[in-house]
Amino acid sequence: MNGLFDFFGRVLRGVIRLALALAALVFVLSLLLASLVVVVGVSLWSLVTGRKPAPAVVFSRFRQTSQRYTQGVWPGGTGGVRRPMGDVVDVEATEVPDAPSPPREPGSRSGPDHTARVIY
């Protein structure tokens, strides 16, 4: 009797696996069909309006940014080879005084008011 239950258990497991695989296949195919419909719709809309599709614009910006940073992190860099900086001018440092504080209104508190918004 045990052999009969094992056989039916294997058959039932096989049927369940087949049903789940079929459900996954239907899901994937419907997802592909939906994405195909969206791509065709966006392409037709871009032809009607005369503009580039938004995904093409975004990917072209990504491509430009990645090309800019493939030469190095710093723009104009040559990948580790240092170029001369040109003329270096040594200047004498001078101290710049702080801006004068605005006149206080009568009756105002002493000290800065950190919660006040000042618009100049």
PDB file of N, CA and C in Angstrom:
ATOM      1  N   MET A   1       0.817  -1.185   0.000  1.00  0.00           N
ATOM      2  CA  MET A   1       0.000   0.000   0.000  1.00  0.00           C
ATOM      3  C   MET A   1       0.864   1.254   0.000  1.00  0.00           C
ATOM      4  N   ASN A   2       2.040   1.165   0.638  1.00  0.00           N
ATOM      5  CA  ASN A   2       2.939   2.305   0.683  1.00  0.00           C
ATOM      6  C   ASN A   2       3.426   2.684  -0.707  1.00  0.00           C
ATOM      7  N   GLY A   3       3.686   1.737  -1.541  1.00  0.00           N
ATOM      8  CA  GLY A   3       4.144   1.981  -2.906  1.00  0.00           C
ATOM      9  C   GLY A   3       3.106   2.735  -3.717  1.00  0.00           C
ATOM     10  N   LEU A   4       1.825   2.418  -3.490  1.00  0.00           N
ATOM     11  CA  LEU A   4       0.752   3.092  -4.210  1.00  0.00           C
ATOM     12  C   LEU A   4       0.669   4.564  -3.798  1.00  0.00           C
ATOM     13  N   PHE A   5       0.808   4.850  -2.497  1.00  0.00           N
ATOM     14  CA  PHE A   5       0.764   6.241  -2.026  1.00  0.00           C
ATOM     15  C   PHE A   5       1.974   7.024  -2.529  1.00  0.00           C
ATOM     16  N   ASP A   6       3.132   6.387  -2.571  1.00  0.00           N
ATOM     17  CA  ASP A   6       4.326   7.050  -3.101  1.00  0.00           C
ATOM     18  C   ASP A   6       4.146   7.392  -4.581  1.00  0.00           C
ATOM     19  N   PHE A   7       3.556   6.494  -5.337  1.00  0.00           N
ATOM     20  CA  PHE A   7       3.329   6.734  -6.765  1.00  0.00           C
ATOM     21  C   PHE A   7       2.387   7.918  -6.965  1.00  0.00           C
ATOM     22  N   PHE A   8       1.258   7.921  -6.237  1.00  0.00           N
ATOM     23  CA  PHE A   8       0.304   9.029  -6.379  1.00  0.00           C
ATOM     24  C   PHE A   8       0.909  10.350  -5.873  1.00  0.00           C
ATOM     25  N   GLY A   9       1.748  10.276  -4.857  1.00  0.00           N
ATOM     26  CA  GLY A   9       2.420  11.483  -4.358  1.00  0.00           C
ATOM     27  C   GLY A   9       3.361  12.063  -5.405  1.00  0.00           C
ATOM     28  N   ARG A  10       4.123  11.183  -6.089  1.00  0.00           N
ATOM     29  CA  ARG A  10       5.015  11.660  -7.151  1.00  0.00           C
ATOM     30  C   ARG A  10       4.231  12.232  -8.321  1.00  0.00           C
ATOM     31  N   VAL A  11       3.130  11.593  -8.674  1.00  0.00           N
ATOM     32  CA  VAL A  11       2.301  12.099  -9.774  1.00  0.00           C
ATOM     33  C   VAL A  11       1.715  13.465  -9.406  1.00  0.00           C
ATOM     34  N   LEU A  12       1.227  13.580  -8.179  1.00  0.00           N
ATOM     35  CA  LEU A  12       0.646  14.848  -7.735  1.00  0.00           C
ATOM     36  C   LEU A  12       1.706  15.957  -7.694  1.00  0.00           C
ATOM     37  N   ARG A  13       2.924  15.640  -7.220  1.00  0.00           N
ATOM     38  CA  ARG A  13       4.005  16.636  -7.219  1.00  0.00           C
ATOM     39  C   ARG A  13       4.363  17.050  -8.638  1.00  0.00           C
ATOM     40  N   GLY A  14       4.391  16.112  -9.553  1.00  0.00           N
ATOM     41  CA  GLY A  14       4.688  16.421 -10.952  1.00  0.00           C
ATOM     42  C   GLY A  14       3.627  17.326 -11.572  1.00  0.00           C
ATOM     43  N   VAL A  15       2.356  17.056 -11.259  1.00  0.00           N
ATOM     44  CA  VAL A  15       1.263  17.871 -11.792  1.00  0.00           C
ATOM     45  C   VAL A  15       1.353  19.298 -11.223  1.00  0.00           C
ATOM     46  N   ILE A  16       1.664  19.411  -9.932  1.00  0.00           N
ATOM     47  CA  ILE A  16       1.775  20.742  -9.319  1.00  0.00           C
ATOM     48  C   ILE A  16       2.955  21.503  -9.914  1.00  0.00           C
ATOM     49  N   ARG A  17       4.089  20.840 -10.107  1.00  0.00           N
ATOM     50  CA  ARG A  17       5.246  21.493 -10.733  1.00  0.00           C
ATOM     51  C   ARG A  17       4.917  21.953 -12.149  1.00  0.00           C
ATOM     52  N   LEU A  18       4.234  21.111 -12.895  1.00  0.00           N
ATOM     53  CA  LEU A  18       3.854  21.467 -14.260  1.00  0.00           C
ATOM     54  C   LEU A  18       2.909  22.667 -14.272  1.00  0.00           C
ATOM     55  N   ALA A  19       1.962  22.714 -13.339  1.00  0.00           N
ATOM     56  CA  ALA A  19       1.021  23.837 -13.268  1.00  0.00           C
ATOM     57  C   ALA A  19       1.755  25.128 -12.897  1.00  0.00           C
ATOM     58  N   LEU A  20       2.697  25.055 -11.942  1.00  0.00           N
ATOM     59  CA  LEU A  20       3.457  26.248 -11.560  1.00  0.00           C
ATOM     60  C   LEU A  20       4.365  26.720 -12.695  1.00  0.00           C
ATOM     61  N   ALA A  21       4.977  25.788 -13.412  1.00  0.00           N
ATOM     62  CA  ALA A  21       5.820  26.161 -14.545  1.00  0.00           C
ATOM     63  C   ALA A  21       4.981  26.812 -15.641  1.00  0.00           C
ATOM     64  N   LEU A  22       3.788  26.290 -15.879  1.00  0.00           N
ATOM     65  CA  LEU A  22       2.899  26.862 -16.881  1.00  0.00           C
ATOM     66  C   LEU A  22       2.443  28.261 -16.460  1.00  0.00           C
ATOM     67  N   ALA A  23       2.147  28.457 -15.173  1.00  0.00           N
ATOM     68  CA  ALA A  23       1.750  29.775 -14.675  1.00  0.00           C
ATOM     69  C   ALA A  23       2.903  30.772 -14.811  1.00  0.00           C
ATOM     70  N   ALA A  24       4.130  30.336 -14.522  1.00  0.00           N
ATOM     71  CA  ALA A  24       5.290  31.216 -14.672  1.00  0.00           C
ATOM     72  C   ALA A  24       5.507  31.580 -16.130  1.00  0.00           C
ATOM     73  N   LEU A  25       5.327  30.619 -17.030  1.00  0.00           N
ATOM     74  CA  LEU A  25       5.476  30.881 -18.463  1.00  0.00           C
ATOM     75  C   LEU A  25       4.435  31.887 -18.947  1.00  0.00           C
ATOM     76  N   VAL A  26       3.191  31.731 -18.490  1.00  0.00           N
ATOM     77  CA  VAL A  26       2.141  32.678 -18.875  1.00  0.00           C
ATOM     78  C   VAL A  26       2.466  34.068 -18.339  1.00  0.00           C
ATOM     79  N   PHE A  27       2.965  34.161 -17.118  1.00  0.00           N
ATOM     80  CA  PHE A  27       3.324  35.448 -16.533  1.00  0.00           C
ATOM     81  C   PHE A  27       4.436  36.122 -17.328  1.00  0.00           C
ATOM     82  N   VAL A  28       5.482  35.386 -17.654  1.00  0.00           N
ATOM     83  CA  VAL A  28       6.610  35.955 -18.393  1.00  0.00           C
ATOM     84  C   VAL A  28       6.176  36.394 -19.785  1.00  0.00           C
ATOM     85  N   LEU A  29       5.390  35.568 -20.461  1.00  0.00           N
ATOM     86  CA  LEU A  29       4.934  35.937 -21.798  1.00  0.00           C
ATOM     87  C   LEU A  29       4.027  37.161 -21.759  1.00  0.00           C
ATOM     88  N   SER A  30       3.165  37.271 -20.763  1.00  0.00           N
ATOM     89  CA  SER A  30       2.298  38.450 -20.681  1.00  0.00           C
ATOM     90  C   SER A  30       3.115  39.701 -20.355  1.00  0.00           C
ATOM     91  N   LEU A  31       4.154  39.560 -19.549  1.00  0.00           N
ATOM     92  CA  LEU A  31       5.028  40.692 -19.250  1.00  0.00           C
ATOM     93  C   LEU A  31       5.777  41.148 -20.500  1.00  0.00           C
ATOM     94  N   LEU A  32       6.266  40.200 -21.280  1.00  0.00           N
ATOM     95  CA  LEU A  32       6.943  40.539 -22.527  1.00  0.00           C
ATOM     96  C   LEU A  32       5.988  41.202 -23.514  1.00  0.00           C
ATOM     97  N   LEU A  33       4.776  40.699 -23.607  1.00  0.00           N
ATOM     98  CA  LEU A  33       3.794  41.281 -24.512  1.00  0.00           C
ATOM     99  C   LEU A  33       3.428  42.697 -24.082  1.00  0.00           C
ATOM    100  N   ALA A  34       3.257  42.909 -22.785  1.00  0.00           N
ATOM    101  CA  ALA A  34       2.938  44.252 -22.285  1.00  0.00           C
ATOM    102  C   ALA A  34       4.079  45.224 -22.563  1.00  0.00           C
ATOM    103  N   SER A  35       5.319  44.798 -22.345  1.00  0.00           N
ATOM    104  CA  SER A  35       6.444  45.688 -22.623  1.00  0.00           C
ATOM    105  C   SER A  35       6.577  45.968 -24.114  1.00  0.00           C
ATOM    106  N   LEU A  36       6.277  44.998 -24.949  1.00  0.00           N
ATOM    107  CA  LEU A  36       6.303  45.213 -26.399  1.00  0.00           C
ATOM    108  C   LEU A  36       5.243  46.227 -26.811  1.00  0.00           C
ATOM    109  N   VAL A  37       4.061  46.135 -26.236  1.00  0.00           N
ATOM    110  CA  VAL A  37       2.994  47.085 -26.543  1.00  0.00           C
ATOM    111  C   VAL A  37       3.400  48.494 -26.110  1.00  0.00           C
ATOM    112  N   VAL A  38       4.024  48.622 -24.953  1.00  0.00           N
ATOM    113  CA  VAL A  38       4.450  49.936 -24.474  1.00  0.00           C
ATOM    114  C   VAL A  38       5.531  50.515 -25.380  1.00  0.00           C
ATOM    115  N   VAL A  39       6.500  49.704 -25.788  1.00  0.00           N
ATOM    116  CA  VAL A  39       7.577  50.185 -26.648  1.00  0.00           C
ATOM    117  C   VAL A  39       7.021  50.636 -27.998  1.00  0.00           C
ATOM    118  N   VAL A  40       6.130  49.849 -28.568  1.00  0.00           N
ATOM    119  CA  VAL A  40       5.531  50.229 -29.854  1.00  0.00           C
ATOM    120  C   VAL A  40       4.698  51.499 -29.699  1.00  0.00           C
ATOM    121  N   GLY A  41       3.937  51.606 -28.617  1.00  0.00           N
ATOM    122  CA  GLY A  41       3.129  52.800 -28.388  1.00  0.00           C
ATOM    123  C   GLY A  41       3.977  54.047 -28.217  1.00  0.00           C
ATOM    124  N   VAL A  42       5.061  53.958 -27.440  1.00  0.00           N
ATOM    125  CA  VAL A  42       5.945  55.109 -27.244  1.00  0.00           C
ATOM    126  C   VAL A  42       6.638  55.477 -28.550  1.00  0.00           C
ATOM    127  N   SER A  43       7.034  54.496 -29.320  1.00  0.00           N
ATOM    128  CA  SER A  43       7.682  54.779 -30.605  1.00  0.00           C
ATOM    129  C   SER A  43       6.726  55.475 -31.560  1.00  0.00           C
ATOM    130  N   LEU A  44       5.502  54.985 -31.648  1.00  0.00           N
ATOM    131  CA  LEU A  44       4.516  55.643 -32.513  1.00  0.00           C
ATOM    132  C   LEU A  44       4.214  57.058 -32.035  1.00  0.00           C
ATOM    133  N   TRP A  45       4.101  57.237 -30.721  1.00  0.00           N
ATOM    134  CA  TRP A  45       3.832  58.570 -30.184  1.00  0.00           C
ATOM    135  C   TRP A  45       4.995  59.524 -30.479  1.00  0.00           C
ATOM    136  N   SER A  46       6.225  59.022 -30.417  1.00  0.00           N
ATOM    137  CA  SER A  46       7.365  59.879 -30.729  1.00  0.00           C
ATOM    138  C   SER A  46       7.394  60.232 -32.213  1.00  0.00           C
ATOM    139  N   LEU A  47       6.940  59.327 -33.067  1.00  0.00           N
ATOM    140  CA  LEU A  47       6.852  59.650 -34.490  1.00  0.00           C
ATOM    141  C   LEU A  47       5.776  60.699 -34.755  1.00  0.00           C
ATOM    142  N   VAL A  48       4.671  60.612 -34.050  1.00  0.00           N
ATOM    143  CA  VAL A  48       3.577  61.568 -34.241  1.00  0.00           C
ATOM    144  C   VAL A  48       3.983  62.950 -33.744  1.00  0.00           C
ATOM    145  N   THR A  49       4.620  63.021 -32.566  1.00  0.00           N
ATOM    146  CA  THR A  49       4.970  64.317 -31.983  1.00  0.00           C
ATOM    147  C   THR A  49       6.277  64.867 -32.526  1.00  0.00           C
ATOM    148  N   GLY A  50       7.119  64.035 -33.104  1.00  0.00           N
ATOM    149  CA  GLY A  50       8.392  64.496 -33.644  1.00  0.00           C
ATOM    150  C   GLY A  50       9.486  64.650 -32.611  1.00  0.00           C
ATOM    151  N   ARG A  51       9.284  64.139 -31.424  1.00  0.00           N
ATOM    152  CA  ARG A  51      10.295  64.202 -30.369  1.00  0.00           C
ATOM    153  C   ARG A  51      10.929  62.843 -30.178  1.00  0.00           C
ATOM    154  N   LYS A  52      12.125  62.882 -29.564  1.00  0.00           N
ATOM    155  CA  LYS A  52      12.767  61.621 -29.209  1.00  0.00           C
ATOM    156  C   LYS A  52      12.007  60.998 -28.054  1.00  0.00           C
ATOM    157  N   PRO A  53      11.903  59.686 -28.012  1.00  0.00           N
ATOM    158  CA  PRO A  53      11.266  59.056 -26.852  1.00  0.00           C
ATOM    159  C   PRO A  53      12.069  59.325 -25.586  1.00  0.00           C
ATOM    160  N   ALA A  54      11.376  59.457 -24.472  1.00  0.00           N
ATOM    161  CA  ALA A  54      12.027  59.778 -23.202  1.00  0.00           C
ATOM    162  C   ALA A  54      13.093  58.758 -22.807  1.00  0.00           C
ATOM    163  N   PRO A  55      12.869  57.448 -22.971  1.00  0.00           N
ATOM    164  CA  PRO A  55      13.944  56.509 -22.599  1.00  0.00           C
ATOM    165  C   PRO A  55      15.210  56.723 -23.428  1.00  0.00           C
ATOM    166  N   ALA A  56      15.072  57.087 -24.707  1.00  0.00           N
ATOM    167  CA  ALA A  56      16.259  57.329 -25.530  1.00  0.00           C
ATOM    168  C   ALA A  56      17.021  58.536 -25.028  1.00  0.00           C
ATOM    169  N   VAL A  57      16.312  59.575 -24.599  1.00  0.00           N
ATOM    170  CA  VAL A  57      16.963  60.774 -24.068  1.00  0.00           C
ATOM    171  C   VAL A  57      17.699  60.437 -22.772  1.00  0.00           C
ATOM    172  N   VAL A  58      17.054  59.684 -21.904  1.00  0.00           N
ATOM    173  CA  VAL A  58      17.674  59.334 -20.619  1.00  0.00           C
ATOM    174  C   VAL A  58      18.917  58.486 -20.847  1.00  0.00           C
ATOM    175  N   PHE A  59      18.830  57.493 -21.729  1.00  0.00           N
ATOM    176  CA  PHE A  59      19.987  56.629 -21.963  1.00  0.00           C
ATOM    177  C   PHE A  59      21.116  57.375 -22.660  1.00  0.00           C
ATOM    178  N   SER A  60      20.790  58.346 -23.520  1.00  0.00           N
ATOM    179  CA  SER A  60      21.863  59.123 -24.141  1.00  0.00           C
ATOM    180  C   SER A  60      22.562  59.990 -23.098  1.00  0.00           C
ATOM    181  N   ARG A  61      21.811  60.515 -22.123  1.00  0.00           N
ATOM    182  CA  ARG A  61      22.445  61.288 -21.048  1.00  0.00           C
ATOM    183  C   ARG A  61      23.330  60.396 -20.188  1.00  0.00           C
ATOM    184  N   PHE A  62      22.860  59.196 -19.887  1.00  0.00           N
ATOM    185  CA  PHE A  62      23.686  58.255 -19.124  1.00  0.00           C
ATOM    186  C   PHE A  62      24.965  57.939 -19.880  1.00  0.00           C
ATOM    187  N   ARG A  63      24.857  57.740 -21.201  1.00  0.00           N
ATOM    188  CA  ARG A  63      26.025  57.412 -22.011  1.00  0.00           C
ATOM    189  C   ARG A  63      27.016  58.572 -22.006  1.00  0.00           C
ATOM    190  N   GLN A  64      26.525  59.806 -22.147  1.00  0.00           N
ATOM    191  CA  GLN A  64      27.412  60.967 -22.130  1.00  0.00           C
ATOM    192  C   GLN A  64      28.109  61.101 -20.779  1.00  0.00           C
ATOM    193  N   THR A  65      27.368  60.892 -19.700  1.00  0.00           N
ATOM    194  CA  THR A  65      27.957  60.999 -18.365  1.00  0.00           C
ATOM    195  C   THR A  65      28.996  59.913 -18.145  1.00  0.00           C
ATOM    196  N   SER A  66      28.698  58.693 -18.564  1.00  0.00           N
ATOM    197  CA  SER A  66      29.663  57.619 -18.360  1.00  0.00           C
ATOM    198  C   SER A  66      30.908  57.831 -19.209  1.00  0.00           C
ATOM    199  N   GLN A  67      30.755  58.384 -20.412  1.00  0.00           N
ATOM    200  CA  GLN A  67      31.934  58.665 -21.235  1.00  0.00           C
ATOM    201  C   GLN A  67      32.781  59.769 -20.614  1.00  0.00           C
ATOM    202  N   ARG A  68      32.117  60.735 -19.973  1.00  0.00           N
ATOM    203  CA  ARG A  68      32.860  61.822 -19.353  1.00  0.00           C
ATOM    204  C   ARG A  68      33.696  61.304 -18.193  1.00  0.00           C
ATOM    205  N   TYR A  69      33.161  60.345 -17.426  1.00  0.00           N
ATOM    206  CA  TYR A  69      33.865  59.863 -16.243  1.00  0.00           C
ATOM    207  C   TYR A  69      34.743  58.646 -16.513  1.00  0.00           C
ATOM    208  N   THR A  70      34.745  58.114 -17.737  1.00  0.00           N
ATOM    209  CA  THR A  70      35.641  56.987 -18.000  1.00  0.00           C
ATOM    210  C   THR A  70      37.074  57.458 -18.156  1.00  0.00           C
ATOM    211  N   GLN A  71      37.282  58.727 -18.516  1.00  0.00           N
ATOM    212  CA  GLN A  71      38.652  59.226 -18.624  1.00  0.00           C
ATOM    213  C   GLN A  71      39.258  59.467 -17.254  1.00  0.00           C
ATOM    214  N   GLY A  72      38.466  59.583 -16.247  1.00  0.00           N
ATOM    215  CA  GLY A  72      38.962  59.835 -14.904  1.00  0.00           C
ATOM    216  C   GLY A  72      37.924  60.626 -14.145  1.00  0.00           C
ATOM    217  N   VAL A  73      38.110  60.682 -12.859  1.00  0.00           N
ATOM    218  CA  VAL A  73      37.138  61.381 -12.035  1.00  0.00           C
ATOM    219  C   VAL A  73      37.194  62.874 -12.289  1.00  0.00           C
ATOM    220  N   TRP A  74      38.395  63.411 -12.457  1.00  0.00           N
ATOM    221  CA  TRP A  74      38.524  64.851 -12.640  1.00  0.00           C
ATOM    222  C   TRP A  74      38.517  65.177 -14.120  1.00  0.00           C
ATOM    223  N   PRO A  75      37.714  66.158 -14.531  1.00  0.00           N
ATOM    224  CA  PRO A  75      37.685  66.514 -15.945  1.00  0.00           C
ATOM    225  C   PRO A  75      39.041  67.040 -16.405  1.00  0.00           C
ATOM    226  N   GLY A  76      39.425  66.654 -17.584  1.00  0.00           N
ATOM    227  CA  GLY A  76      40.701  67.094 -18.128  1.00  0.00           C
ATOM    228  C   GLY A  76      41.869  66.280 -17.632  1.00  0.00           C
ATOM    229  N   GLY A  77      41.616  65.297 -16.795  1.00  0.00           N
ATOM    230  CA  GLY A  77      42.685  64.458 -16.269  1.00  0.00           C
ATOM    231  C   GLY A  77      43.181  63.495 -17.334  1.00  0.00           C
ATOM    232  N   THR A  78      44.427  63.078 -17.214  1.00  0.00           N
ATOM    233  CA  THR A  78      44.997  62.159 -18.191  1.00  0.00           C
ATOM    234  C   THR A  78      45.253  60.804 -17.580  1.00  0.00           C
ATOM    235  N   GLY A  79      44.523  60.471 -16.534  1.00  0.00           N
ATOM    236  CA  GLY A  79      44.644  59.137 -15.956  1.00  0.00           C
ATOM    237  C   GLY A  79      45.916  58.927 -15.171  1.00  0.00           C
ATOM    238  N   GLY A  80      46.318  59.854 -14.328  1.00  0.00           N
ATOM    239  CA  GLY A  80      47.478  59.642 -13.482  1.00  0.00           C
ATOM    240  C   GLY A  80      48.714  60.384 -13.953  1.00  0.00           C
ATOM    241  N   VAL A  81      48.790  60.805 -15.213  1.00  0.00           N
ATOM    242  CA  VAL A  81      49.941  61.544 -15.703  1.00  0.00           C
ATOM    243  C   VAL A  81      49.713  63.016 -15.391  1.00  0.00           C
ATOM    244  N   ARG A  82      50.631  63.615 -14.653  1.00  0.00           N
ATOM    245  CA  ARG A  82      50.468  65.018 -14.261  1.00  0.00           C
ATOM    246  C   ARG A  82      51.028  65.918 -15.339  1.00  0.00           C
ATOM    247  N   ARG A  83      50.227  66.899 -15.714  1.00  0.00           N
ATOM    248  CA  ARG A  83      50.679  67.905 -16.664  1.00  0.00           C
ATOM    249  C   ARG A  83      51.065  69.157 -15.892  1.00  0.00           C
ATOM    250  N   PRO A  84      51.938  69.977 -16.456  1.00  0.00           N
ATOM    251  CA  PRO A  84      52.295  71.210 -15.757  1.00  0.00           C
ATOM    252  C   PRO A  84      51.076  72.130 -15.646  1.00  0.00           C
ATOM    253  N   MET A  85      50.983  72.826 -14.519  1.00  0.00           N
ATOM    254  CA  MET A  85      49.834  73.673 -14.244  1.00  0.00           C
ATOM    255  C   MET A  85      49.916  75.018 -14.945  1.00  0.00           C
ATOM    256  N   GLY A  86      51.033  75.377 -15.481  1.00  0.00           N
ATOM    257  CA  GLY A  86      51.183  76.692 -16.100  1.00  0.00           C
ATOM    258  C   GLY A  86      51.820  77.651 -15.124  1.00  0.00           C
ATOM    259  N   ASP A  87      51.570  78.929 -15.314  1.00  0.00           N
ATOM    260  CA  ASP A  87      52.154  79.947 -14.445  1.00  0.00           C
ATOM    261  C   ASP A  87      51.498  79.906 -13.069  1.00  0.00           C
ATOM    262  N   VAL A  88      52.331  79.974 -12.044  1.00  0.00           N
ATOM    263  CA  VAL A  88      51.844  80.029 -10.678  1.00  0.00           C
ATOM    264  C   VAL A  88      52.170  81.407 -10.139  1.00  0.00           C
ATOM    265  N   VAL A  89      51.146  82.096  -9.649  1.00  0.00           N
ATOM    266  CA  VAL A  89      51.332  83.444  -9.129  1.00  0.00           C
ATOM    267  C   VAL A  89      51.216  83.389  -7.614  1.00  0.00           C
ATOM    268  N   ASP A  90      52.252  83.893  -6.929  1.00  0.00           N
ATOM    269  CA  ASP A  90      52.244  83.928  -5.478  1.00  0.00           C
ATOM    270  C   ASP A  90      51.791  85.315  -5.052  1.00  0.00           C
ATOM    271  N   VAL A  91      50.733  85.369  -4.272  1.00  0.00           N
ATOM    272  CA  VAL A  91      50.197  86.662  -3.851  1.00  0.00           C
ATOM    273  C   VAL A  91      50.310  86.783  -2.348  1.00  0.00           C
ATOM    274  N   GLU A  92      50.291  88.026  -1.876  1.00  0.00           N
ATOM    275  CA  GLU A  92      50.342  88.277  -0.452  1.00  0.00           C
ATOM    276  C   GLU A  92      48.923  88.232   0.096  1.00  0.00           C
ATOM    277  N   ALA A  93      48.712  87.500   1.162  1.00  0.00           N
ATOM    278  CA  ALA A  93      47.379  87.356   1.742  1.00  0.00           C
ATOM    279  C   ALA A  93      47.030  88.604   2.526  1.00  0.00           C
ATOM    280  N   THR A  94      45.795  89.059   2.384  1.00  0.00           N
ATOM    281  CA  THR A  94      45.298  90.195   3.167  1.00  0.00           C
ATOM    282  C   THR A  94      44.032  89.761   3.865  1.00  0.00           C
ATOM    283  N   GLU A  95      43.826  90.286   5.059  1.00  0.00           N
ATOM    284  CA  GLU A  95      42.641  89.924   5.820  1.00  0.00           C
ATOM    285  C   GLU A  95      41.489  90.841   5.439  1.00  0.00           C
ATOM    286  N   VAL A  96      40.338  90.243   5.194  1.00  0.00           N
ATOM    287  CA  VAL A  96      39.146  91.011   4.836  1.00  0.00           C
ATOM    288  C   VAL A  96      38.313  91.181   6.092  1.00  0.00           C
ATOM    289  N   PRO A  97      37.986  92.436   6.454  1.00  0.00           N
ATOM    290  CA  PRO A  97      37.206  92.637   7.679  1.00  0.00           C
ATOM    291  C   PRO A  97      35.780  92.135   7.511  1.00  0.00           C
ATOM    292  N   ASP A  98      35.148  91.784   8.634  1.00  0.00           N
ATOM    293  CA  ASP A  98      33.762  91.343   8.606  1.00  0.00           C
ATOM    294  C   ASP A  98      32.869  92.504   8.185  1.00  0.00           C
ATOM    295  N   ALA A  99      31.738  92.167   7.602  1.00  0.00           N
ATOM    296  CA  ALA A  99      30.779  93.191   7.206  1.00  0.00           C
ATOM    297  C   ALA A  99      30.194  93.817   8.468  1.00  0.00           C
ATOM    298  N   PRO A 100      29.930  95.115   8.435  1.00  0.00           N
ATOM    299  CA  PRO A 100      29.353  95.740   9.637  1.00  0.00           C
ATOM    300  C   PRO A 100      27.965  95.185   9.897  1.00  0.00           C
ATOM    301  N   SER A 101      27.659  95.012  11.185  1.00  0.00           N
ATOM    302  CA  SER A 101      26.349  94.473  11.529  1.00  0.00           C
ATOM    303  C   SER A 101      25.289  95.541  11.319  1.00  0.00           C
ATOM    304  N   PRO A 102      24.069  95.152  10.932  1.00  0.00           N
ATOM    305  CA  PRO A 102      23.019  96.145  10.718  1.00  0.00           C
ATOM    306  C   PRO A 102      22.631  96.794  12.047  1.00  0.00           C
ATOM    307  N   PRO A 103      22.163  98.051  11.988  1.00  0.00           N
ATOM    308  CA  PRO A 103      21.793  98.718  13.238  1.00  0.00           C
ATOM    309  C   PRO A 103      20.634  98.006  13.914  1.00  0.00           C
ATOM    310  N   ARG A 104      20.661  98.006  15.251  1.00  0.00           N
ATOM    311  CA  ARG A 104      19.622  97.331  16.021  1.00  0.00           C
ATOM    312  C   ARG A 104      18.423  98.244  16.201  1.00  0.00           C
ATOM    313  N   GLU A 105      17.291  97.596  16.228  1.00  0.00           N
ATOM    314  CA  GLU A 105      16.065  98.339  16.502  1.00  0.00           C
ATOM    315  C   GLU A 105      15.924  98.504  18.010  1.00  0.00           C
ATOM    316  N   PRO A 106      15.310  99.600  18.442  1.00  0.00           N
ATOM    317  CA  PRO A 106      15.131  99.757  19.888  1.00  0.00           C
ATOM    318  C   PRO A 106      14.200  98.676  20.433  1.00  0.00           C
ATOM    319  N   GLY A 107      14.527  98.140  21.569  1.00  0.00           N
ATOM    320  CA  GLY A 107      13.706  97.113  22.202  1.00  0.00           C
ATOM    321  C   GLY A 107      14.036  95.714  21.724  1.00  0.00           C
ATOM    322  N   SER A 108      15.035  95.573  20.866  1.00  0.00           N
ATOM    323  CA  SER A 108      15.384  94.230  20.407  1.00  0.00           C
ATOM    324  C   SER A 108      16.278  93.555  21.435  1.00  0.00           C
ATOM    325  N   ARG A 109      16.284  92.241  21.385  1.00  0.00           N
ATOM    326  CA  ARG A 109      17.095  91.482  22.330  1.00  0.00           C
ATOM    327  C   ARG A 109      18.560  91.570  21.943  1.00  0.00           C
ATOM    328  N   SER A 110      19.408  91.362  22.934  1.00  0.00           N
ATOM    329  CA  SER A 110      20.835  91.345  22.632  1.00  0.00           C
ATOM    330  C   SER A 110      21.210  89.940  22.181  1.00  0.00           C
ATOM    331  N   GLY A 111      22.148  89.868  21.302  1.00  0.00           N
ATOM    332  CA  GLY A 111      22.601  88.576  20.805  1.00  0.00           C
ATOM    333  C   GLY A 111      21.850  88.188  19.552  1.00  0.00           C
ATOM    334  N   PRO A 112      22.379  87.210  18.844  1.00  0.00           N
ATOM    335  CA  PRO A 112      21.742  86.818  17.585  1.00  0.00           C
ATOM    336  C   PRO A 112      20.453  86.031  17.843  1.00  0.00           C
ATOM    337  N   ASP A 113      19.489  86.254  16.983  1.00  0.00           N
ATOM    338  CA  ASP A 113      18.233  85.499  17.040  1.00  0.00           C
ATOM    339  C   ASP A 113      18.308  84.444  15.936  1.00  0.00           C
ATOM    340  N   HIS A 114      18.550  83.215  16.320  1.00  0.00           N
ATOM    341  CA  HIS A 114      18.769  82.164  15.336  1.00  0.00           C
ATOM    342  C   HIS A 114      17.474  81.713  14.660  1.00  0.00           C
ATOM    343  N   THR A 115      16.357  82.081  15.220  1.00  0.00           N
ATOM    344  CA  THR A 115      15.096  81.645  14.612  1.00  0.00           C
ATOM    345  C   THR A 115      14.519  82.676  13.669  1.00  0.00           C
ATOM    346  N   ALA A 116      15.106  83.883  13.628  1.00  0.00           N
ATOM    347  CA  ALA A 116      14.591  84.945  12.767  1.00  0.00           C
ATOM    348  C   ALA A 116      15.039  84.729  11.333  1.00  0.00           C
ATOM    349  N   ARG A 117      14.206  85.113  10.406  1.00  0.00           N
ATOM    350  CA  ARG A 117      14.559  85.044   8.990  1.00  0.00           C
ATOM    351  C   ARG A 117      14.864  86.450   8.529  1.00  0.00           C
ATOM    352  N   VAL A 118      16.027  86.627   7.971  1.00  0.00           N
ATOM    353  CA  VAL A 118      16.441  87.948   7.529  1.00  0.00           C
ATOM    354  C   VAL A 118      16.493  87.933   6.013  1.00  0.00           C
ATOM    355  N   ILE A 119      15.826  88.891   5.394  1.00  0.00           N
ATOM    356  CA  ILE A 119      15.824  88.999   3.932  1.00  0.00           C
ATOM    357  C   ILE A 119      16.515  90.311   3.577  1.00  0.00           C
ATOM    358  N   TYR A 120      17.582  90.210   2.809  1.00  0.00           N
ATOM    359  CA  TYR A 120      18.297  91.411   2.394  1.00  0.00           C
ATOM    360  C   TYR A 120      17.905  91.780   1.000  1.00  0.00           C
TER     361      TYR A 120
END
